[in-house]
Amino acid sequence: MNSRKWVLPFEVKWSATAWQQYQDAMAFVAADRPQAALEQDATITSAVARLGTFPRMGRAGRVRSTRELVVSGTPFIVVYRIQDEAGEVQVIRFLHGAQQWPKVKQ
């Protein structure tokens, strides 16, 4: 039996790359549809915050040891890793579902 005590919520941290991708995406949406950008920002912020309490709510990722949260009501996907021992969820990419995914070494 595993004696590890789970401490929730996990801390959610954004990598610099993921944060920049998020900022760029929101700026792009806001350029044409400011209200849509505000709504998507609220939806995404809420979904990512829930990862702290439910870190395994995303599907298994395309890259080993990652998970992907498809943010309902938006075209965006949050790619993240769970660091159990550190009690962290690390957001490592923020992508539009239709974009070409970056090549990553497995």
N, C-alpha and C. Protein backbone atom coordinates (compact mmCIF):
# COMPACT_ATOMS: atom_id res chain seq x y z
N MET A 1 0.84 -1.18 0.00
CA MET A 1 0.00 0.00 0.00
C MET A 1 0.88 1.25 0.00
N ASN A 2 0.53 2.19 -0.81
CA ASN A 2 1.29 3.43 -0.91
C ASN A 2 0.93 4.33 0.27
N SER A 3 1.95 4.77 0.99
CA SER A 3 1.70 5.61 2.15
C SER A 3 1.79 7.10 1.82
N ARG A 4 1.99 7.41 0.56
CA ARG A 4 2.10 8.82 0.13
C ARG A 4 0.81 9.54 0.47
N LYS A 5 0.93 10.65 1.12
CA LYS A 5 -0.24 11.47 1.42
C LYS A 5 -0.39 12.51 0.33
N TRP A 6 -1.56 12.56 -0.27
CA TRP A 6 -1.83 13.52 -1.33
C TRP A 6 -2.23 14.84 -0.70
N VAL A 7 -1.54 15.86 -1.10
CA VAL A 7 -1.87 17.19 -0.62
C VAL A 7 -2.44 17.97 -1.80
N LEU A 8 -3.69 18.33 -1.67
CA LEU A 8 -4.35 19.09 -2.72
C LEU A 8 -4.73 20.44 -2.16
N PRO A 9 -4.80 21.46 -2.92
CA PRO A 9 -4.56 21.41 -4.35
C PRO A 9 -3.07 21.46 -4.68
N PHE A 10 -2.77 20.93 -5.86
CA PHE A 10 -1.43 21.06 -6.41
C PHE A 10 -1.25 22.52 -6.82
N GLU A 11 -0.01 22.97 -6.84
CA GLU A 11 0.28 24.31 -7.34
C GLU A 11 0.39 24.24 -8.85
N VAL A 12 -0.30 25.12 -9.55
CA VAL A 12 -0.25 25.15 -11.01
C VAL A 12 0.75 26.23 -11.42
N LYS A 13 1.75 25.81 -12.20
CA LYS A 13 2.78 26.74 -12.67
C LYS A 13 2.84 26.71 -14.19
N TRP A 14 2.98 27.88 -14.79
CA TRP A 14 3.10 28.00 -16.24
C TRP A 14 4.57 28.14 -16.60
N SER A 15 5.02 27.42 -17.62
CA SER A 15 6.36 27.67 -18.16
C SER A 15 6.32 29.00 -18.91
N ALA A 16 7.49 29.59 -19.10
CA ALA A 16 7.56 30.86 -19.85
C ALA A 16 7.01 30.68 -21.26
N THR A 17 7.31 29.54 -21.88
CA THR A 17 6.84 29.26 -23.24
C THR A 17 5.32 29.18 -23.28
N ALA A 18 4.74 28.41 -22.37
CA ALA A 18 3.28 28.25 -22.35
C ALA A 18 2.59 29.59 -22.06
N TRP A 19 3.15 30.35 -21.13
CA TRP A 19 2.54 31.64 -20.80
C TRP A 19 2.56 32.58 -22.00
N GLN A 20 3.68 32.59 -22.74
CA GLN A 20 3.77 33.45 -23.92
C GLN A 20 2.77 32.99 -24.99
N GLN A 21 2.63 31.67 -25.17
CA GLN A 21 1.67 31.15 -26.14
C GLN A 21 0.25 31.57 -25.76
N TYR A 22 -0.05 31.52 -24.48
CA TYR A 22 -1.37 31.93 -23.99
C TYR A 22 -1.61 33.42 -24.24
N GLN A 23 -0.63 34.24 -23.89
CA GLN A 23 -0.76 35.69 -24.09
C GLN A 23 -0.94 36.02 -25.58
N ASP A 24 -0.15 35.36 -26.43
CA ASP A 24 -0.25 35.59 -27.87
C ASP A 24 -1.62 35.19 -28.41
N ALA A 25 -2.14 34.06 -27.94
CA ALA A 25 -3.44 33.59 -28.40
C ALA A 25 -4.55 34.55 -27.98
N MET A 26 -4.51 34.99 -26.74
CA MET A 26 -5.54 35.92 -26.27
C MET A 26 -5.46 37.26 -27.00
N ALA A 27 -4.26 37.73 -27.29
CA ALA A 27 -4.10 38.98 -28.05
C ALA A 27 -4.66 38.83 -29.46
N PHE A 28 -4.42 37.68 -30.07
CA PHE A 28 -4.92 37.42 -31.42
C PHE A 28 -6.45 37.45 -31.44
N VAL A 29 -7.07 36.76 -30.49
CA VAL A 29 -8.53 36.74 -30.42
C VAL A 29 -9.06 38.15 -30.13
N ALA A 30 -8.43 38.85 -29.21
CA ALA A 30 -8.90 40.18 -28.81
C ALA A 30 -8.83 41.21 -29.93
N ALA A 31 -7.92 41.01 -30.87
CA ALA A 31 -7.77 41.97 -31.97
C ALA A 31 -9.06 42.10 -32.78
N ASP A 32 -9.77 41.00 -32.96
CA ASP A 32 -11.02 41.02 -33.74
C ASP A 32 -12.27 40.90 -32.88
N ARG A 33 -12.15 40.22 -31.74
CA ARG A 33 -13.33 39.93 -30.93
C ARG A 33 -12.99 40.10 -29.44
N PRO A 34 -12.93 41.33 -28.96
CA PRO A 34 -12.53 41.57 -27.57
C PRO A 34 -13.40 40.84 -26.54
N GLN A 35 -14.70 40.81 -26.77
CA GLN A 35 -15.59 40.14 -25.80
C GLN A 35 -15.32 38.64 -25.79
N ALA A 36 -15.09 38.05 -26.94
CA ALA A 36 -14.78 36.62 -27.01
C ALA A 36 -13.48 36.32 -26.27
N ALA A 37 -12.51 37.22 -26.40
CA ALA A 37 -11.23 37.02 -25.70
C ALA A 37 -11.44 37.03 -24.19
N LEU A 38 -12.26 37.95 -23.70
CA LEU A 38 -12.54 38.00 -22.26
C LEU A 38 -13.23 36.73 -21.78
N GLU A 39 -14.19 36.25 -22.57
CA GLU A 39 -14.91 35.03 -22.20
C GLU A 39 -13.98 33.82 -22.23
N GLN A 40 -13.16 33.72 -23.28
CA GLN A 40 -12.23 32.59 -23.37
C GLN A 40 -11.20 32.65 -22.25
N ASP A 41 -10.73 33.84 -21.94
CA ASP A 41 -9.76 34.00 -20.85
C ASP A 41 -10.35 33.47 -19.54
N ALA A 42 -11.59 33.84 -19.24
CA ALA A 42 -12.24 33.38 -18.01
C ALA A 42 -12.41 31.86 -18.01
N THR A 43 -12.81 31.30 -19.14
CA THR A 43 -13.00 29.85 -19.25
C THR A 43 -11.69 29.12 -19.06
N ILE A 44 -10.64 29.59 -19.72
CA ILE A 44 -9.33 28.94 -19.64
C ILE A 44 -8.75 29.07 -18.24
N THR A 45 -8.84 30.26 -17.65
CA THR A 45 -8.32 30.48 -16.30
C THR A 45 -8.98 29.54 -15.31
N SER A 46 -10.28 29.40 -15.41
CA SER A 46 -11.02 28.51 -14.52
C SER A 46 -10.62 27.05 -14.72
N ALA A 47 -10.51 26.63 -15.98
CA ALA A 47 -10.15 25.23 -16.28
C ALA A 47 -8.75 24.91 -15.76
N VAL A 48 -7.80 25.80 -15.99
CA VAL A 48 -6.43 25.56 -15.54
C VAL A 48 -6.36 25.55 -14.02
N ALA A 49 -7.11 26.41 -13.36
CA ALA A 49 -7.14 26.42 -11.90
C ALA A 49 -7.65 25.09 -11.35
N ARG A 50 -8.63 24.48 -12.03
CA ARG A 50 -9.17 23.18 -11.58
C ARG A 50 -8.13 22.08 -11.64
N LEU A 51 -7.09 22.25 -12.47
CA LEU A 51 -6.03 21.24 -12.52
C LEU A 51 -5.35 21.08 -11.17
N GLY A 52 -5.34 22.13 -10.37
CA GLY A 52 -4.75 22.04 -9.04
C GLY A 52 -5.46 21.03 -8.16
N THR A 53 -6.77 20.93 -8.31
CA THR A 53 -7.56 19.99 -7.52
C THR A 53 -7.75 18.65 -8.24
N PHE A 54 -7.84 18.69 -9.56
CA PHE A 54 -8.07 17.48 -10.36
C PHE A 54 -6.98 17.36 -11.42
N PRO A 55 -5.74 17.08 -11.02
CA PRO A 55 -4.63 17.11 -11.98
C PRO A 55 -4.73 16.06 -13.08
N ARG A 56 -5.50 15.02 -12.88
CA ARG A 56 -5.60 13.98 -13.90
C ARG A 56 -6.86 14.11 -14.75
N MET A 57 -7.49 15.29 -14.72
CA MET A 57 -8.73 15.45 -15.49
C MET A 57 -8.48 15.54 -16.99
N GLY A 58 -7.29 15.86 -17.42
CA GLY A 58 -6.98 15.88 -18.85
C GLY A 58 -6.68 14.47 -19.35
N ARG A 59 -6.73 14.32 -20.66
CA ARG A 59 -6.44 13.01 -21.28
C ARG A 59 -4.93 12.77 -21.28
N ALA A 60 -4.55 11.51 -21.47
CA ALA A 60 -3.13 11.19 -21.63
C ALA A 60 -2.61 11.94 -22.84
N GLY A 61 -1.40 12.49 -22.73
CA GLY A 61 -0.84 13.32 -23.78
C GLY A 61 -0.22 12.54 -24.92
N ARG A 62 0.04 13.25 -26.00
CA ARG A 62 0.70 12.67 -27.17
C ARG A 62 2.17 12.39 -26.88
N VAL A 63 2.73 13.15 -25.97
CA VAL A 63 4.12 12.98 -25.56
C VAL A 63 4.11 12.31 -24.19
N ARG A 64 4.99 11.33 -24.03
CA ARG A 64 5.06 10.57 -22.79
C ARG A 64 5.17 11.50 -21.57
N SER A 65 4.50 11.14 -20.51
CA SER A 65 4.51 11.87 -19.24
C SER A 65 3.81 13.22 -19.30
N THR A 66 2.98 13.42 -20.31
CA THR A 66 2.20 14.66 -20.37
C THR A 66 0.72 14.33 -20.37
N ARG A 67 -0.05 15.35 -20.10
CA ARG A 67 -1.50 15.25 -20.20
C ARG A 67 -1.98 16.45 -20.99
N GLU A 68 -3.18 16.35 -21.55
CA GLU A 68 -3.74 17.41 -22.37
C GLU A 68 -5.16 17.73 -21.90
N LEU A 69 -5.37 18.98 -21.60
CA LEU A 69 -6.69 19.44 -21.21
C LEU A 69 -7.29 20.20 -22.38
N VAL A 70 -8.33 19.63 -22.97
CA VAL A 70 -9.07 20.31 -24.03
C VAL A 70 -10.05 21.24 -23.30
N VAL A 71 -9.87 22.54 -23.47
CA VAL A 71 -10.68 23.50 -22.72
C VAL A 71 -12.03 23.65 -23.41
N SER A 72 -13.05 23.13 -22.76
CA SER A 72 -14.41 23.14 -23.30
C SER A 72 -14.86 24.56 -23.63
N GLY A 73 -15.49 24.70 -24.80
CA GLY A 73 -15.98 26.00 -25.23
C GLY A 73 -14.95 26.88 -25.90
N THR A 74 -13.74 26.34 -26.06
CA THR A 74 -12.66 27.08 -26.73
C THR A 74 -11.96 26.11 -27.68
N PRO A 75 -11.15 26.62 -28.60
CA PRO A 75 -10.38 25.74 -29.47
C PRO A 75 -9.00 25.39 -28.90
N PHE A 76 -8.79 25.64 -27.61
CA PHE A 76 -7.44 25.53 -27.05
C PHE A 76 -7.21 24.25 -26.24
N ILE A 77 -5.94 23.85 -26.23
CA ILE A 77 -5.49 22.67 -25.50
C ILE A 77 -4.33 23.09 -24.60
N VAL A 78 -4.42 22.72 -23.33
CA VAL A 78 -3.37 22.98 -22.36
C VAL A 78 -2.59 21.68 -22.17
N VAL A 79 -1.30 21.71 -22.46
CA VAL A 79 -0.45 20.54 -22.30
C VAL A 79 0.31 20.72 -20.98
N TYR A 80 0.27 19.67 -20.15
CA TYR A 80 0.88 19.82 -18.82
C TYR A 80 1.48 18.51 -18.33
N ARG A 81 2.29 18.65 -17.29
CA ARG A 81 2.89 17.51 -16.60
C ARG A 81 2.49 17.59 -15.13
N ILE A 82 2.34 16.43 -14.53
CA ILE A 82 2.06 16.36 -13.10
C ILE A 82 3.35 15.96 -12.40
N GLN A 83 3.76 16.75 -11.45
CA GLN A 83 4.93 16.45 -10.63
C GLN A 83 4.42 16.11 -9.23
N ASP A 84 4.09 14.82 -9.03
CA ASP A 84 3.47 14.40 -7.77
C ASP A 84 4.30 14.77 -6.55
N GLU A 85 5.58 14.44 -6.59
CA GLU A 85 6.42 14.67 -5.41
C GLU A 85 6.55 16.15 -5.07
N ALA A 86 6.55 17.00 -6.08
CA ALA A 86 6.65 18.44 -5.86
C ALA A 86 5.28 19.07 -5.59
N GLY A 87 4.22 18.29 -5.82
CA GLY A 87 2.88 18.84 -5.64
C GLY A 87 2.56 19.93 -6.65
N GLU A 88 3.04 19.72 -7.88
CA GLU A 88 2.87 20.74 -8.92
C GLU A 88 2.24 20.18 -10.18
N VAL A 89 1.49 21.03 -10.84
CA VAL A 89 1.06 20.81 -12.22
C VAL A 89 1.81 21.86 -13.02
N GLN A 90 2.58 21.42 -14.01
CA GLN A 90 3.38 22.33 -14.82
C GLN A 90 2.77 22.44 -16.21
N VAL A 91 2.24 23.61 -16.54
CA VAL A 91 1.70 23.86 -17.87
C VAL A 91 2.90 24.13 -18.78
N ILE A 92 3.08 23.28 -19.80
CA ILE A 92 4.28 23.41 -20.63
C ILE A 92 4.00 23.92 -22.04
N ARG A 93 2.74 23.84 -22.49
CA ARG A 93 2.37 24.36 -23.81
C ARG A 93 0.92 24.80 -23.76
N PHE A 94 0.61 25.77 -24.61
CA PHE A 94 -0.76 26.23 -24.79
C PHE A 94 -0.97 26.32 -26.29
N LEU A 95 -1.84 25.48 -26.82
CA LEU A 95 -1.96 25.34 -28.27
C LEU A 95 -3.40 25.47 -28.74
N HIS A 96 -3.54 25.96 -29.97
CA HIS A 96 -4.83 25.94 -30.65
C HIS A 96 -4.98 24.54 -31.23
N GLY A 97 -6.15 23.95 -31.10
CA GLY A 97 -6.36 22.59 -31.56
C GLY A 97 -6.09 22.36 -33.03
N ALA A 98 -6.20 23.41 -33.87
CA ALA A 98 -6.00 23.26 -35.31
C ALA A 98 -4.56 23.52 -35.74
N GLN A 99 -3.73 23.98 -34.83
CA GLN A 99 -2.36 24.32 -35.25
C GLN A 99 -1.47 23.09 -35.33
N GLN A 100 -0.41 23.22 -36.08
CA GLN A 100 0.60 22.15 -36.18
C GLN A 100 1.30 22.05 -34.83
N TRP A 101 1.35 20.85 -34.29
CA TRP A 101 2.00 20.67 -32.99
C TRP A 101 3.51 20.69 -33.18
N PRO A 102 4.23 21.27 -32.23
CA PRO A 102 5.70 21.28 -32.35
C PRO A 102 6.25 19.87 -32.24
N LYS A 103 7.34 19.63 -32.94
CA LYS A 103 8.00 18.33 -32.83
C LYS A 103 8.73 18.27 -31.50
N VAL A 104 8.54 17.17 -30.78
CA VAL A 104 9.15 17.01 -29.47
C VAL A 104 9.83 15.66 -29.43
N LYS A 105 11.03 15.63 -28.88
CA LYS A 105 11.72 14.35 -28.69
C LYS A 105 11.03 13.60 -27.57
N GLN A 106 10.77 12.33 -27.79
CA GLN A 106 10.11 11.50 -26.78
C GLN A 106 11.04 11.14 -25.65
